Amino acid sequence: MLSRRGFVTGVGAGAVLLGTGALPTAASARPVRGDYPFRLGVASGDPLPDSVVLWTRLAVDPLAADGSGGMRRRRYPVRWEVAEDERFRRVVKRGVATTSPELGHSVHPEVWGLRPDRE
């Protein structure tokens, strides 16, 4: 059995955000190219028995010369979910984090209240 710590710090971290279709939600908040904005993946860290910090940066063009990652200079909502199963049938936490151009369109929600020793 893989613990939540092992799950979140490994490849499963991608499923936390990406497995939910976590894309900008408003039509006016679409990336410049309308391209996939999670090219840099998803990471996690600071695991505690009841929490974890998730991290991602929206970037349709991570090497854009202006450092914007190919994103417009506006805020984007990013929906996230944490589930106890791979198919996200038992979602235990969800929320929305908002990116900003000042932070390079990155988000790092702190997810609290998780049960310990879960997949």
PDB file of N, CA and C in Angstrom:
ATOM      1  N   MET A   1       0.841  -1.178   0.000  1.00  0.00           N
ATOM      2  CA  MET A   1       0.000   0.000   0.000  1.00  0.00           C
ATOM      3  C   MET A   1       0.883   1.237   0.000  1.00  0.00           C
ATOM      4  N   LEU A   2       0.621   2.141  -0.896  1.00  0.00           N
ATOM      5  CA  LEU A   2       1.371   3.372  -1.013  1.00  0.00           C
ATOM      6  C   LEU A   2       0.746   4.419  -0.093  1.00  0.00           C
ATOM      7  N   SER A   3       1.557   5.043   0.730  1.00  0.00           N
ATOM      8  CA  SER A   3       1.024   6.067   1.632  1.00  0.00           C
ATOM      9  C   SER A   3       0.737   7.347   0.858  1.00  0.00           C
ATOM     10  N   ARG A   4      -0.048   8.228   1.445  1.00  0.00           N
ATOM     11  CA  ARG A   4      -0.337   9.509   0.807  1.00  0.00           C
ATOM     12  C   ARG A   4       0.948  10.270   0.556  1.00  0.00           C
ATOM     13  N   ARG A   5       1.874  10.212   1.495  1.00  0.00           N
ATOM     14  CA  ARG A   5       3.142  10.912   1.326  1.00  0.00           C
ATOM     15  C   ARG A   5       3.856  10.395   0.080  1.00  0.00           C
ATOM     16  N   GLY A   6       3.917   9.082  -0.070  1.00  0.00           N
ATOM     17  CA  GLY A   6       4.553   8.500  -1.245  1.00  0.00           C
ATOM     18  C   GLY A   6       3.798   8.825  -2.513  1.00  0.00           C
ATOM     19  N   PHE A   7       2.488   8.803  -2.435  1.00  0.00           N
ATOM     20  CA  PHE A   7       1.657   9.112  -3.587  1.00  0.00           C
ATOM     21  C   PHE A   7       1.856  10.547  -4.033  1.00  0.00           C
ATOM     22  N   VAL A   8       1.756  11.467  -3.090  1.00  0.00           N
ATOM     23  CA  VAL A   8       1.814  12.883  -3.437  1.00  0.00           C
ATOM     24  C   VAL A   8       3.207  13.300  -3.872  1.00  0.00           C
ATOM     25  N   THR A   9       4.229  12.714  -3.310  1.00  0.00           N
ATOM     26  CA  THR A   9       5.571  13.117  -3.698  1.00  0.00           C
ATOM     27  C   THR A   9       6.044  12.421  -4.962  1.00  0.00           C
ATOM     28  N   GLY A  10       5.303  11.447  -5.453  1.00  0.00           N
ATOM     29  CA  GLY A  10       5.677  10.739  -6.672  1.00  0.00           C
ATOM     30  C   GLY A  10       4.829  11.164  -7.850  1.00  0.00           C
ATOM     31  N   VAL A  11       4.721  10.259  -8.797  1.00  0.00           N
ATOM     32  CA  VAL A  11       3.979  10.553 -10.011  1.00  0.00           C
ATOM     33  C   VAL A  11       2.521  10.861  -9.749  1.00  0.00           C
ATOM     34  N   GLY A  12       1.980  10.394  -8.661  1.00  0.00           N
ATOM     35  CA  GLY A  12       0.578  10.658  -8.353  1.00  0.00           C
ATOM     36  C   GLY A  12       0.274  12.130  -8.201  1.00  0.00           C
ATOM     37  N   ALA A  13       1.279  12.940  -7.929  1.00  0.00           N
ATOM     38  CA  ALA A  13       1.049  14.372  -7.774  1.00  0.00           C
ATOM     39  C   ALA A  13       0.432  14.960  -9.033  1.00  0.00           C
ATOM     40  N   GLY A  14       0.811  14.440 -10.179  1.00  0.00           N
ATOM     41  CA  GLY A  14       0.226  14.936 -11.410  1.00  0.00           C
ATOM     42  C   GLY A  14      -1.268  14.726 -11.437  1.00  0.00           C
ATOM     43  N   ALA A  15      -1.727  13.633 -10.908  1.00  0.00           N
ATOM     44  CA  ALA A  15      -3.153  13.334 -10.912  1.00  0.00           C
ATOM     45  C   ALA A  15      -3.919  14.274  -9.991  1.00  0.00           C
ATOM     46  N   VAL A  16      -3.250  14.807  -8.998  1.00  0.00           N
ATOM     47  CA  VAL A  16      -3.932  15.696  -8.070  1.00  0.00           C
ATOM     48  C   VAL A  16      -4.533  16.871  -8.817  1.00  0.00           C
ATOM     49  N   LEU A  17      -3.776  17.492  -9.704  1.00  0.00           N
ATOM     50  CA  LEU A  17      -4.313  18.603 -10.476  1.00  0.00           C
ATOM     51  C   LEU A  17      -4.720  18.185 -11.881  1.00  0.00           C
ATOM     52  N   LEU A  18      -3.853  17.480 -12.559  1.00  0.00           N
ATOM     53  CA  LEU A  18      -4.094  17.186 -13.954  1.00  0.00           C
ATOM     54  C   LEU A  18      -5.220  16.201 -14.163  1.00  0.00           C
ATOM     55  N   GLY A  19      -5.387  15.268 -13.264  1.00  0.00           N
ATOM     56  CA  GLY A  19      -6.428  14.277 -13.418  1.00  0.00           C
ATOM     57  C   GLY A  19      -7.819  14.848 -13.290  1.00  0.00           C
ATOM     58  N   THR A  20      -7.923  16.089 -12.899  1.00  0.00           N
ATOM     59  CA  THR A  20      -9.227  16.701 -12.735  1.00  0.00           C
ATOM     60  C   THR A  20      -9.576  17.645 -13.867  1.00  0.00           C
ATOM     61  N   GLY A  21      -8.720  17.768 -14.855  1.00  0.00           N
ATOM     62  CA  GLY A  21      -8.978  18.727 -15.922  1.00  0.00           C
ATOM     63  C   GLY A  21      -8.818  20.134 -15.409  1.00  0.00           C
ATOM     64  N   ALA A  22      -7.853  20.366 -14.553  1.00  0.00           N
ATOM     65  CA  ALA A  22      -7.656  21.676 -13.927  1.00  0.00           C
ATOM     66  C   ALA A  22      -7.125  22.674 -14.940  1.00  0.00           C
ATOM     67  N   LEU A  23      -8.013  23.270 -15.668  1.00  0.00           N
ATOM     68  CA  LEU A  23      -7.660  24.266 -16.661  1.00  0.00           C
ATOM     69  C   LEU A  23      -8.338  25.571 -16.299  1.00  0.00           C
ATOM     70  N   PRO A  24      -7.878  26.685 -16.853  1.00  0.00           N
ATOM     71  CA  PRO A  24      -8.585  27.933 -16.603  1.00  0.00           C
ATOM     72  C   PRO A  24     -10.055  27.773 -16.950  1.00  0.00           C
ATOM     73  N   THR A  25     -10.935  28.326 -16.131  1.00  0.00           N
ATOM     74  CA  THR A  25     -12.354  28.062 -16.300  1.00  0.00           C
ATOM     75  C   THR A  25     -13.110  29.134 -17.086  1.00  0.00           C
ATOM     76  N   ALA A  26     -12.708  30.365 -17.019  1.00  0.00           N
ATOM     77  CA  ALA A  26     -13.452  31.415 -17.711  1.00  0.00           C
ATOM     78  C   ALA A  26     -12.931  31.575 -19.136  1.00  0.00           C
ATOM     79  N   ALA A  27     -13.846  31.790 -20.072  1.00  0.00           N
ATOM     80  CA  ALA A  27     -13.432  31.944 -21.466  1.00  0.00           C
ATOM     81  C   ALA A  27     -12.454  33.099 -21.610  1.00  0.00           C
ATOM     82  N   SER A  28     -12.628  34.155 -20.841  1.00  0.00           N
ATOM     83  CA  SER A  28     -11.735  35.307 -20.938  1.00  0.00           C
ATOM     84  C   SER A  28     -10.373  35.039 -20.311  1.00  0.00           C
ATOM     85  N   ALA A  29     -10.231  33.924 -19.606  1.00  0.00           N
ATOM     86  CA  ALA A  29      -8.969  33.625 -18.923  1.00  0.00           C
ATOM     87  C   ALA A  29      -8.191  32.516 -19.632  1.00  0.00           C
ATOM     88  N   ARG A  30      -8.425  32.333 -20.902  1.00  0.00           N
ATOM     89  CA  ARG A  30      -7.709  31.290 -21.633  1.00  0.00           C
ATOM     90  C   ARG A  30      -6.280  31.738 -21.923  1.00  0.00           C
ATOM     91  N   PRO A  31      -5.339  30.776 -21.965  1.00  0.00           N
ATOM     92  CA  PRO A  31      -3.968  31.098 -22.320  1.00  0.00           C
ATOM     93  C   PRO A  31      -3.892  31.698 -23.718  1.00  0.00           C
ATOM     94  N   VAL A  32      -2.806  32.398 -23.991  1.00  0.00           N
ATOM     95  CA  VAL A  32      -2.630  33.080 -25.265  1.00  0.00           C
ATOM     96  C   VAL A  32      -2.864  32.138 -26.433  1.00  0.00           C
ATOM     97  N   ARG A  33      -2.251  30.966 -26.415  1.00  0.00           N
ATOM     98  CA  ARG A  33      -2.353  30.037 -27.535  1.00  0.00           C
ATOM     99  C   ARG A  33      -3.492  29.045 -27.372  1.00  0.00           C
ATOM    100  N   GLY A  34      -4.201  29.064 -26.259  1.00  0.00           N
ATOM    101  CA  GLY A  34      -5.232  28.075 -26.012  1.00  0.00           C
ATOM    102  C   GLY A  34      -4.630  26.685 -25.872  1.00  0.00           C
ATOM    103  N   ASP A  35      -3.354  26.614 -25.535  1.00  0.00           N
ATOM    104  CA  ASP A  35      -2.614  25.376 -25.456  1.00  0.00           C
ATOM    105  C   ASP A  35      -2.636  24.829 -24.028  1.00  0.00           C
ATOM    106  N   TYR A  36      -2.145  23.615 -23.869  1.00  0.00           N
ATOM    107  CA  TYR A  36      -2.090  22.962 -22.562  1.00  0.00           C
ATOM    108  C   TYR A  36      -1.183  23.743 -21.607  1.00  0.00           C
ATOM    109  N   PRO A  37      -1.699  24.264 -20.482  1.00  0.00           N
ATOM    110  CA  PRO A  37      -0.905  25.145 -19.617  1.00  0.00           C
ATOM    111  C   PRO A  37      -0.076  24.444 -18.539  1.00  0.00           C
ATOM    112  N   PHE A  38      -0.115  23.100 -18.454  1.00  0.00           N
ATOM    113  CA  PHE A  38       0.613  22.393 -17.393  1.00  0.00           C
ATOM    114  C   PHE A  38       1.876  21.712 -17.922  1.00  0.00           C
ATOM    115  N   ARG A  39       2.578  22.356 -18.807  1.00  0.00           N
ATOM    116  CA  ARG A  39       3.775  21.774 -19.420  1.00  0.00           C
ATOM    117  C   ARG A  39       4.893  21.531 -18.414  1.00  0.00           C
ATOM    118  N   LEU A  40       4.874  22.215 -17.302  1.00  0.00           N
ATOM    119  CA  LEU A  40       5.913  22.043 -16.284  1.00  0.00           C
ATOM    120  C   LEU A  40       5.513  21.023 -15.226  1.00  0.00           C
ATOM    121  N   GLY A  41       4.353  20.428 -15.380  1.00  0.00           N
ATOM    122  CA  GLY A  41       3.915  19.393 -14.457  1.00  0.00           C
ATOM    123  C   GLY A  41       3.395  19.937 -13.141  1.00  0.00           C
ATOM    124  N   VAL A  42       3.345  19.041 -12.168  1.00  0.00           N
ATOM    125  CA  VAL A  42       2.830  19.344 -10.843  1.00  0.00           C
ATOM    126  C   VAL A  42       3.809  18.766  -9.843  1.00  0.00           C
ATOM    127  N   ALA A  43       4.033  19.485  -8.770  1.00  0.00           N
ATOM    128  CA  ALA A  43       4.925  18.983  -7.724  1.00  0.00           C
ATOM    129  C   ALA A  43       4.220  19.130  -6.384  1.00  0.00           C
ATOM    130  N   SER A  44       4.800  18.536  -5.367  1.00  0.00           N
ATOM    131  CA  SER A  44       4.265  18.675  -4.017  1.00  0.00           C
ATOM    132  C   SER A  44       5.417  18.629  -3.041  1.00  0.00           C
ATOM    133  N   GLY A  45       5.137  19.078  -1.852  1.00  0.00           N
ATOM    134  CA  GLY A  45       6.178  19.069  -0.837  1.00  0.00           C
ATOM    135  C   GLY A  45       5.615  19.396   0.522  1.00  0.00           C
ATOM    136  N   ASP A  46       6.493  19.517   1.479  1.00  0.00           N
ATOM    137  CA  ASP A  46       6.120  19.823   2.855  1.00  0.00           C
ATOM    138  C   ASP A  46       5.038  18.895   3.390  1.00  0.00           C
ATOM    139  N   PRO A  47       5.138  17.591   3.144  1.00  0.00           N
ATOM    140  CA  PRO A  47       4.080  16.708   3.640  1.00  0.00           C
ATOM    141  C   PRO A  47       4.122  16.599   5.160  1.00  0.00           C
ATOM    142  N   LEU A  48       2.968  16.716   5.746  1.00  0.00           N
ATOM    143  CA  LEU A  48       2.767  16.489   7.173  1.00  0.00           C
ATOM    144  C   LEU A  48       1.694  15.408   7.285  1.00  0.00           C
ATOM    145  N   PRO A  49       1.469  14.862   8.465  1.00  0.00           N
ATOM    146  CA  PRO A  49       0.455  13.807   8.570  1.00  0.00           C
ATOM    147  C   PRO A  49      -0.921  14.219   8.039  1.00  0.00           C
ATOM    148  N   ASP A  50      -1.261  15.519   8.108  1.00  0.00           N
ATOM    149  CA  ASP A  50      -2.596  15.940   7.676  1.00  0.00           C
ATOM    150  C   ASP A  50      -2.586  17.003   6.584  1.00  0.00           C
ATOM    151  N   SER A  51      -1.428  17.216   5.926  1.00  0.00           N
ATOM    152  CA  SER A  51      -1.397  18.268   4.912  1.00  0.00           C
ATOM    153  C   SER A  51      -0.286  18.044   3.897  1.00  0.00           C
ATOM    154  N   VAL A  52      -0.389  18.818   2.814  1.00  0.00           N
ATOM    155  CA  VAL A  52       0.623  18.816   1.767  1.00  0.00           C
ATOM    156  C   VAL A  52       0.495  20.135   1.014  1.00  0.00           C
ATOM    157  N   VAL A  53       1.593  20.581   0.407  1.00  0.00           N
ATOM    158  CA  VAL A  53       1.570  21.765  -0.449  1.00  0.00           C
ATOM    159  C   VAL A  53       1.715  21.289  -1.887  1.00  0.00           C
ATOM    160  N   LEU A  54       0.800  21.720  -2.740  1.00  0.00           N
ATOM    161  CA  LEU A  54       0.852  21.409  -4.166  1.00  0.00           C
ATOM    162  C   LEU A  54       1.478  22.591  -4.897  1.00  0.00           C
ATOM    163  N   TRP A  55       2.103  22.353  -6.044  1.00  0.00           N
ATOM    164  CA  TRP A  55       2.699  23.435  -6.805  1.00  0.00           C
ATOM    165  C   TRP A  55       2.587  23.149  -8.288  1.00  0.00           C
ATOM    166  N   THR A  56       2.245  24.185  -9.044  1.00  0.00           N
ATOM    167  CA  THR A  56       2.326  24.135 -10.500  1.00  0.00           C
ATOM    168  C   THR A  56       2.475  25.551 -11.014  1.00  0.00           C
ATOM    169  N   ARG A  57       2.927  25.649 -12.237  1.00  0.00           N
ATOM    170  CA  ARG A  57       3.037  26.942 -12.918  1.00  0.00           C
ATOM    171  C   ARG A  57       2.405  26.783 -14.285  1.00  0.00           C
ATOM    172  N   LEU A  58       1.479  27.665 -14.608  1.00  0.00           N
ATOM    173  CA  LEU A  58       0.870  27.643 -15.930  1.00  0.00           C
ATOM    174  C   LEU A  58       1.867  28.209 -16.932  1.00  0.00           C
ATOM    175  N   ALA A  59       2.124  27.458 -17.996  1.00  0.00           N
ATOM    176  CA  ALA A  59       3.074  27.904 -19.011  1.00  0.00           C
ATOM    177  C   ALA A  59       2.815  27.133 -20.303  1.00  0.00           C
ATOM    178  N   VAL A  60       2.173  27.800 -21.265  1.00  0.00           N
ATOM    179  CA  VAL A  60       1.976  27.152 -22.559  1.00  0.00           C
ATOM    180  C   VAL A  60       3.266  27.165 -23.366  1.00  0.00           C
ATOM    181  N   ASP A  61       4.180  28.073 -23.023  1.00  0.00           N
ATOM    182  CA  ASP A  61       5.496  28.173 -23.663  1.00  0.00           C
ATOM    183  C   ASP A  61       6.509  28.482 -22.561  1.00  0.00           C
ATOM    184  N   PRO A  62       6.983  27.449 -21.834  1.00  0.00           N
ATOM    185  CA  PRO A  62       7.848  27.672 -20.673  1.00  0.00           C
ATOM    186  C   PRO A  62       9.096  28.498 -20.952  1.00  0.00           C
ATOM    187  N   LEU A  63       9.588  28.502 -22.179  1.00  0.00           N
ATOM    188  CA  LEU A  63      10.814  29.236 -22.503  1.00  0.00           C
ATOM    189  C   LEU A  63      10.554  30.576 -23.183  1.00  0.00           C
ATOM    190  N   ALA A  64       9.346  31.116 -23.035  1.00  0.00           N
ATOM    191  CA  ALA A  64       9.020  32.409 -23.647  1.00  0.00           C
ATOM    192  C   ALA A  64      10.031  33.459 -23.193  1.00  0.00           C
ATOM    193  N   ALA A  65      10.490  34.268 -24.132  1.00  0.00           N
ATOM    194  CA  ALA A  65      11.546  35.253 -23.866  1.00  0.00           C
ATOM    195  C   ALA A  65      11.170  36.259 -22.782  1.00  0.00           C
ATOM    196  N   ASP A  66       9.895  36.589 -22.664  1.00  0.00           N
ATOM    197  CA  ASP A  66       9.492  37.598 -21.672  1.00  0.00           C
ATOM    198  C   ASP A  66       9.304  37.017 -20.271  1.00  0.00           C
ATOM    199  N   GLY A  67       9.516  35.704 -20.115  1.00  0.00           N
ATOM    200  CA  GLY A  67       9.386  35.076 -18.800  1.00  0.00           C
ATOM    201  C   GLY A  67       7.961  34.804 -18.368  1.00  0.00           C
ATOM    202  N   SER A  68       6.996  35.042 -19.258  1.00  0.00           N
ATOM    203  CA  SER A  68       5.586  34.882 -18.904  1.00  0.00           C
ATOM    204  C   SER A  68       5.099  33.449 -19.085  1.00  0.00           C
ATOM    205  N   GLY A  69       5.905  32.598 -19.675  1.00  0.00           N
ATOM    206  CA  GLY A  69       5.463  31.231 -19.955  1.00  0.00           C
ATOM    207  C   GLY A  69       4.424  31.169 -21.055  1.00  0.00           C
ATOM    208  N   GLY A  70       4.318  32.257 -21.835  1.00  0.00           N
ATOM    209  CA  GLY A  70       3.327  32.294 -22.914  1.00  0.00           C
ATOM    210  C   GLY A  70       1.934  32.648 -22.440  1.00  0.00           C
ATOM    211  N   MET A  71       1.796  33.066 -21.192  1.00  0.00           N
ATOM    212  CA  MET A  71       0.488  33.407 -20.624  1.00  0.00           C
ATOM    213  C   MET A  71       0.258  34.914 -20.706  1.00  0.00           C
ATOM    214  N   ARG A  72      -1.003  35.290 -20.816  1.00  0.00           N
ATOM    215  CA  ARG A  72      -1.355  36.719 -20.778  1.00  0.00           C
ATOM    216  C   ARG A  72      -1.133  37.265 -19.377  1.00  0.00           C
ATOM    217  N   ARG A  73      -0.945  38.554 -19.256  1.00  0.00           N
ATOM    218  CA  ARG A  73      -0.747  39.191 -17.958  1.00  0.00           C
ATOM    219  C   ARG A  73      -2.099  39.394 -17.275  1.00  0.00           C
ATOM    220  N   ARG A  74      -2.623  38.299 -16.752  1.00  0.00           N
ATOM    221  CA  ARG A  74      -3.885  38.327 -16.001  1.00  0.00           C
ATOM    222  C   ARG A  74      -3.879  37.145 -15.044  1.00  0.00           C
ATOM    223  N   ARG A  75      -4.852  37.103 -14.193  1.00  0.00           N
ATOM    224  CA  ARG A  75      -4.993  36.010 -13.235  1.00  0.00           C
ATOM    225  C   ARG A  75      -5.776  34.872 -13.878  1.00  0.00           C
ATOM    226  N   TYR A  76      -5.446  33.631 -13.451  1.00  0.00           N
ATOM    227  CA  TYR A  76      -6.151  32.452 -13.941  1.00  0.00           C
ATOM    228  C   TYR A  76      -6.571  31.592 -12.763  1.00  0.00           C
ATOM    229  N   PRO A  77      -7.818  31.132 -12.725  1.00  0.00           N
ATOM    230  CA  PRO A  77      -8.228  30.188 -11.678  1.00  0.00           C
ATOM    231  C   PRO A  77      -7.753  28.776 -12.028  1.00  0.00           C
ATOM    232  N   VAL A  78      -7.258  28.059 -11.044  1.00  0.00           N
ATOM    233  CA  VAL A  78      -6.834  26.673 -11.229  1.00  0.00           C
ATOM    234  C   VAL A  78      -7.572  25.824 -10.204  1.00  0.00           C
ATOM    235  N   ARG A  79      -8.413  24.929 -10.688  1.00  0.00           N
ATOM    236  CA  ARG A  79      -9.132  24.021  -9.793  1.00  0.00           C
ATOM    237  C   ARG A  79      -8.211  22.867  -9.422  1.00  0.00           C
ATOM    238  N   TRP A  80      -8.238  22.461  -8.150  1.00  0.00           N
ATOM    239  CA  TRP A  80      -7.446  21.308  -7.716  1.00  0.00           C
ATOM    240  C   TRP A  80      -8.320  20.393  -6.872  1.00  0.00           C
ATOM    241  N   GLU A  81      -7.963  19.126  -6.872  1.00  0.00           N
ATOM    242  CA  GLU A  81      -8.643  18.119  -6.056  1.00  0.00           C
ATOM    243  C   GLU A  81      -7.620  17.130  -5.527  1.00  0.00           C
ATOM    244  N   VAL A  82      -7.900  16.599  -4.352  1.00  0.00           N
ATOM    245  CA  VAL A  82      -7.129  15.504  -3.776  1.00  0.00           C
ATOM    246  C   VAL A  82      -8.129  14.393  -3.497  1.00  0.00           C
ATOM    247  N   ALA A  83      -7.786  13.190  -3.948  1.00  0.00           N
ATOM    248  CA  ALA A  83      -8.687  12.050  -3.777  1.00  0.00           C
ATOM    249  C   ALA A  83      -7.948  10.887  -3.141  1.00  0.00           C
ATOM    250  N   GLU A  84      -8.709   9.978  -2.555  1.00  0.00           N
ATOM    251  CA  GLU A  84      -8.125   8.782  -1.946  1.00  0.00           C
ATOM    252  C   GLU A  84      -8.046   7.618  -2.936  1.00  0.00           C
ATOM    253  N   ASP A  85      -8.477   7.842  -4.166  1.00  0.00           N
ATOM    254  CA  ASP A  85      -8.403   6.780  -5.172  1.00  0.00           C
ATOM    255  C   ASP A  85      -7.950   7.379  -6.497  1.00  0.00           C
ATOM    256  N   GLU A  86      -7.368   6.539  -7.344  1.00  0.00           N
ATOM    257  CA  GLU A  86      -6.806   6.994  -8.614  1.00  0.00           C
ATOM    258  C   GLU A  86      -7.839   7.568  -9.570  1.00  0.00           C
ATOM    259  N   ARG A  87      -9.067   7.089  -9.494  1.00  0.00           N
ATOM    260  CA  ARG A  87     -10.098   7.565 -10.414  1.00  0.00           C
ATOM    261  C   ARG A  87     -10.852   8.786  -9.881  1.00  0.00           C
ATOM    262  N   PHE A  88     -10.430   9.285  -8.741  1.00  0.00           N
ATOM    263  CA  PHE A  88     -11.026  10.472  -8.122  1.00  0.00           C
ATOM    264  C   PHE A  88     -12.517  10.301  -7.856  1.00  0.00           C
ATOM    265  N   ARG A  89     -12.879   9.117  -7.392  1.00  0.00           N
ATOM    266  CA  ARG A  89     -14.266   8.882  -6.980  1.00  0.00           C
ATOM    267  C   ARG A  89     -14.469   9.273  -5.523  1.00  0.00           C
ATOM    268  N   ARG A  90     -13.369   9.250  -4.731  1.00  0.00           N
ATOM    269  CA  ARG A  90     -13.443   9.634  -3.314  1.00  0.00           C
ATOM    270  C   ARG A  90     -12.623  10.904  -3.097  1.00  0.00           C
ATOM    271  N   VAL A  91     -13.139  12.014  -3.604  1.00  0.00           N
ATOM    272  CA  VAL A  91     -12.465  13.303  -3.443  1.00  0.00           C
ATOM    273  C   VAL A  91     -12.606  13.735  -1.986  1.00  0.00           C
ATOM    274  N   VAL A  92     -11.470  14.069  -1.366  1.00  0.00           N
ATOM    275  CA  VAL A  92     -11.499  14.451   0.039  1.00  0.00           C
ATOM    276  C   VAL A  92     -11.279  15.950   0.243  1.00  0.00           C
ATOM    277  N   LYS A  93     -10.661  16.600  -0.725  1.00  0.00           N
ATOM    278  CA  LYS A  93     -10.466  18.056  -0.661  1.00  0.00           C
ATOM    279  C   LYS A  93     -10.474  18.603  -2.072  1.00  0.00           C
ATOM    280  N   ARG A  94     -10.979  19.817  -2.209  1.00  0.00           N
ATOM    281  CA  ARG A  94     -10.939  20.506  -3.501  1.00  0.00           C
ATOM    282  C   ARG A  94     -10.930  22.000  -3.234  1.00  0.00           C
ATOM    283  N   GLY A  95     -10.489  22.719  -4.215  1.00  0.00           N
ATOM    284  CA  GLY A  95     -10.449  24.162  -4.080  1.00  0.00           C
ATOM    285  C   GLY A  95     -10.032  24.827  -5.372  1.00  0.00           C
ATOM    286  N   VAL A  96      -9.847  26.123  -5.292  1.00  0.00           N
ATOM    287  CA  VAL A  96      -9.397  26.916  -6.430  1.00  0.00           C
ATOM    288  C   VAL A  96      -8.254  27.792  -5.942  1.00  0.00           C
ATOM    289  N   ALA A  97      -7.183  27.796  -6.700  1.00  0.00           N
ATOM    290  CA  ALA A  97      -6.064  28.702  -6.431  1.00  0.00           C
ATOM    291  C   ALA A  97      -5.976  29.638  -7.636  1.00  0.00           C
ATOM    292  N   THR A  98      -5.606  30.871  -7.409  1.00  0.00           N
ATOM    293  CA  THR A  98      -5.550  31.845  -8.490  1.00  0.00           C
ATOM    294  C   THR A  98      -4.104  32.233  -8.771  1.00  0.00           C
ATOM    295  N   THR A  99      -3.725  32.149 -10.044  1.00  0.00           N
ATOM    296  CA  THR A  99      -2.383  32.546 -10.446  1.00  0.00           C
ATOM    297  C   THR A  99      -2.321  34.059 -10.580  1.00  0.00           C
ATOM    298  N   SER A 100      -1.116  34.583 -10.671  1.00  0.00           N
ATOM    299  CA  SER A 100      -0.941  36.003 -10.980  1.00  0.00           C
ATOM    300  C   SER A 100       0.330  36.161 -11.803  1.00  0.00           C
ATOM    301  N   PRO A 101       0.359  37.158 -12.678  1.00  0.00           N
ATOM    302  CA  PRO A 101       1.564  37.375 -13.484  1.00  0.00           C
ATOM    303  C   PRO A 101       2.770  37.740 -12.614  1.00  0.00           C
ATOM    304  N   GLU A 102       2.522  38.384 -11.481  1.00  0.00           N
ATOM    305  CA  GLU A 102       3.611  38.780 -10.585  1.00  0.00           C
ATOM    306  C   GLU A 102       4.351  37.575 -10.013  1.00  0.00           C
ATOM    307  N   LEU A 103       3.669  36.442  -9.899  1.00  0.00           N
ATOM    308  CA  LEU A 103       4.284  35.214  -9.384  1.00  0.00           C
ATOM    309  C   LEU A 103       4.529  34.202 -10.497  1.00  0.00           C
ATOM    310  N   GLY A 104       4.622  34.685 -11.736  1.00  0.00           N
ATOM    311  CA  GLY A 104       4.912  33.800 -12.858  1.00  0.00           C
ATOM    312  C   GLY A 104       3.819  32.796 -13.141  1.00  0.00           C
ATOM    313  N   HIS A 105       2.589  33.125 -12.771  1.00  0.00           N
ATOM    314  CA  HIS A 105       1.444  32.232 -12.965  1.00  0.00           C
ATOM    315  C   HIS A 105       1.614  30.905 -12.237  1.00  0.00           C
ATOM    316  N   SER A 106       2.258  30.951 -11.074  1.00  0.00           N
ATOM    317  CA  SER A 106       2.391  29.734 -10.265  1.00  0.00           C
ATOM    318  C   SER A 106       1.372  29.763  -9.139  1.00  0.00           C
ATOM    319  N   VAL A 107       1.016  28.591  -8.668  1.00  0.00           N
ATOM    320  CA  VAL A 107       0.131  28.457  -7.514  1.00  0.00           C
ATOM    321  C   VAL A 107       0.717  27.397  -6.600  1.00  0.00           C
ATOM    322  N   HIS A 108       0.448  27.551  -5.320  1.00  0.00           N
ATOM    323  CA  HIS A 108       0.911  26.550  -4.355  1.00  0.00           C
ATOM    324  C   HIS A 108      -0.072  26.449  -3.194  1.00  0.00           C
ATOM    325  N   PRO A 109      -1.229  25.817  -3.464  1.00  0.00           N
ATOM    326  CA  PRO A 109      -2.226  25.675  -2.398  1.00  0.00           C
ATOM    327  C   PRO A 109      -1.741  24.728  -1.296  1.00  0.00           C
ATOM    328  N   GLU A 110      -2.026  25.102  -0.066  1.00  0.00           N
ATOM    329  CA  GLU A 110      -1.756  24.246   1.086  1.00  0.00           C
ATOM    330  C   GLU A 110      -3.045  23.490   1.395  1.00  0.00           C
ATOM    331  N   VAL A 111      -2.961  22.185   1.355  1.00  0.00           N
ATOM    332  CA  VAL A 111      -4.139  21.344   1.561  1.00  0.00           C
ATOM    333  C   VAL A 111      -4.058  20.757   2.960  1.00  0.00           C
ATOM    334  N   TRP A 112      -4.994  21.132   3.814  1.00  0.00           N
ATOM    335  CA  TRP A 112      -5.023  20.692   5.227  1.00  0.00           C
ATOM    336  C   TRP A 112      -6.204  19.776   5.479  1.00  0.00           C
ATOM    337  N   GLY A 113      -6.157  19.085   6.591  1.00  0.00           N
ATOM    338  CA  GLY A 113      -7.280  18.248   7.024  1.00  0.00           C
ATOM    339  C   GLY A 113      -7.331  16.904   6.340  1.00  0.00           C
ATOM    340  N   LEU A 114      -6.202  16.440   5.821  1.00  0.00           N
ATOM    341  CA  LEU A 114      -6.169  15.119   5.197  1.00  0.00           C
ATOM    342  C   LEU A 114      -6.005  14.051   6.253  1.00  0.00           C
ATOM    343  N   ARG A 115      -6.587  12.901   6.014  1.00  0.00           N
ATOM    344  CA  ARG A 115      -6.423  11.788   6.946  1.00  0.00           C
ATOM    345  C   ARG A 115      -5.067  11.134   6.707  1.00  0.00           C
ATOM    346  N   PRO A 116      -4.377  10.753   7.783  1.00  0.00           N
ATOM    347  CA  PRO A 116      -3.050  10.133   7.605  1.00  0.00           C
ATOM    348  C   PRO A 116      -3.154   8.697   7.079  1.00  0.00           C
ATOM    349  N   ASP A 117      -2.034   8.240   6.521  1.00  0.00           N
ATOM    350  CA  ASP A 117      -1.880   6.854   6.068  1.00  0.00           C
ATOM    351  C   ASP A 117      -2.939   6.464   5.043  1.00  0.00           C
ATOM    352  N   ARG A 118      -3.109   7.319   4.045  1.00  0.00           N
ATOM    353  CA  ARG A 118      -4.057   7.058   2.953  1.00  0.00           C
ATOM    354  C   ARG A 118      -3.305   7.057   1.644  1.00  0.00           C
ATOM    355  N   GLU A 119      -3.865   6.344   0.685  1.00  0.00           N
ATOM    356  CA  GLU A 119      -3.290   6.381  -0.672  1.00  0.00           C
ATOM    357  C   GLU A 119      -3.637   7.682  -1.328  1.00  0.00           C
TER     358      GLU A 119
END
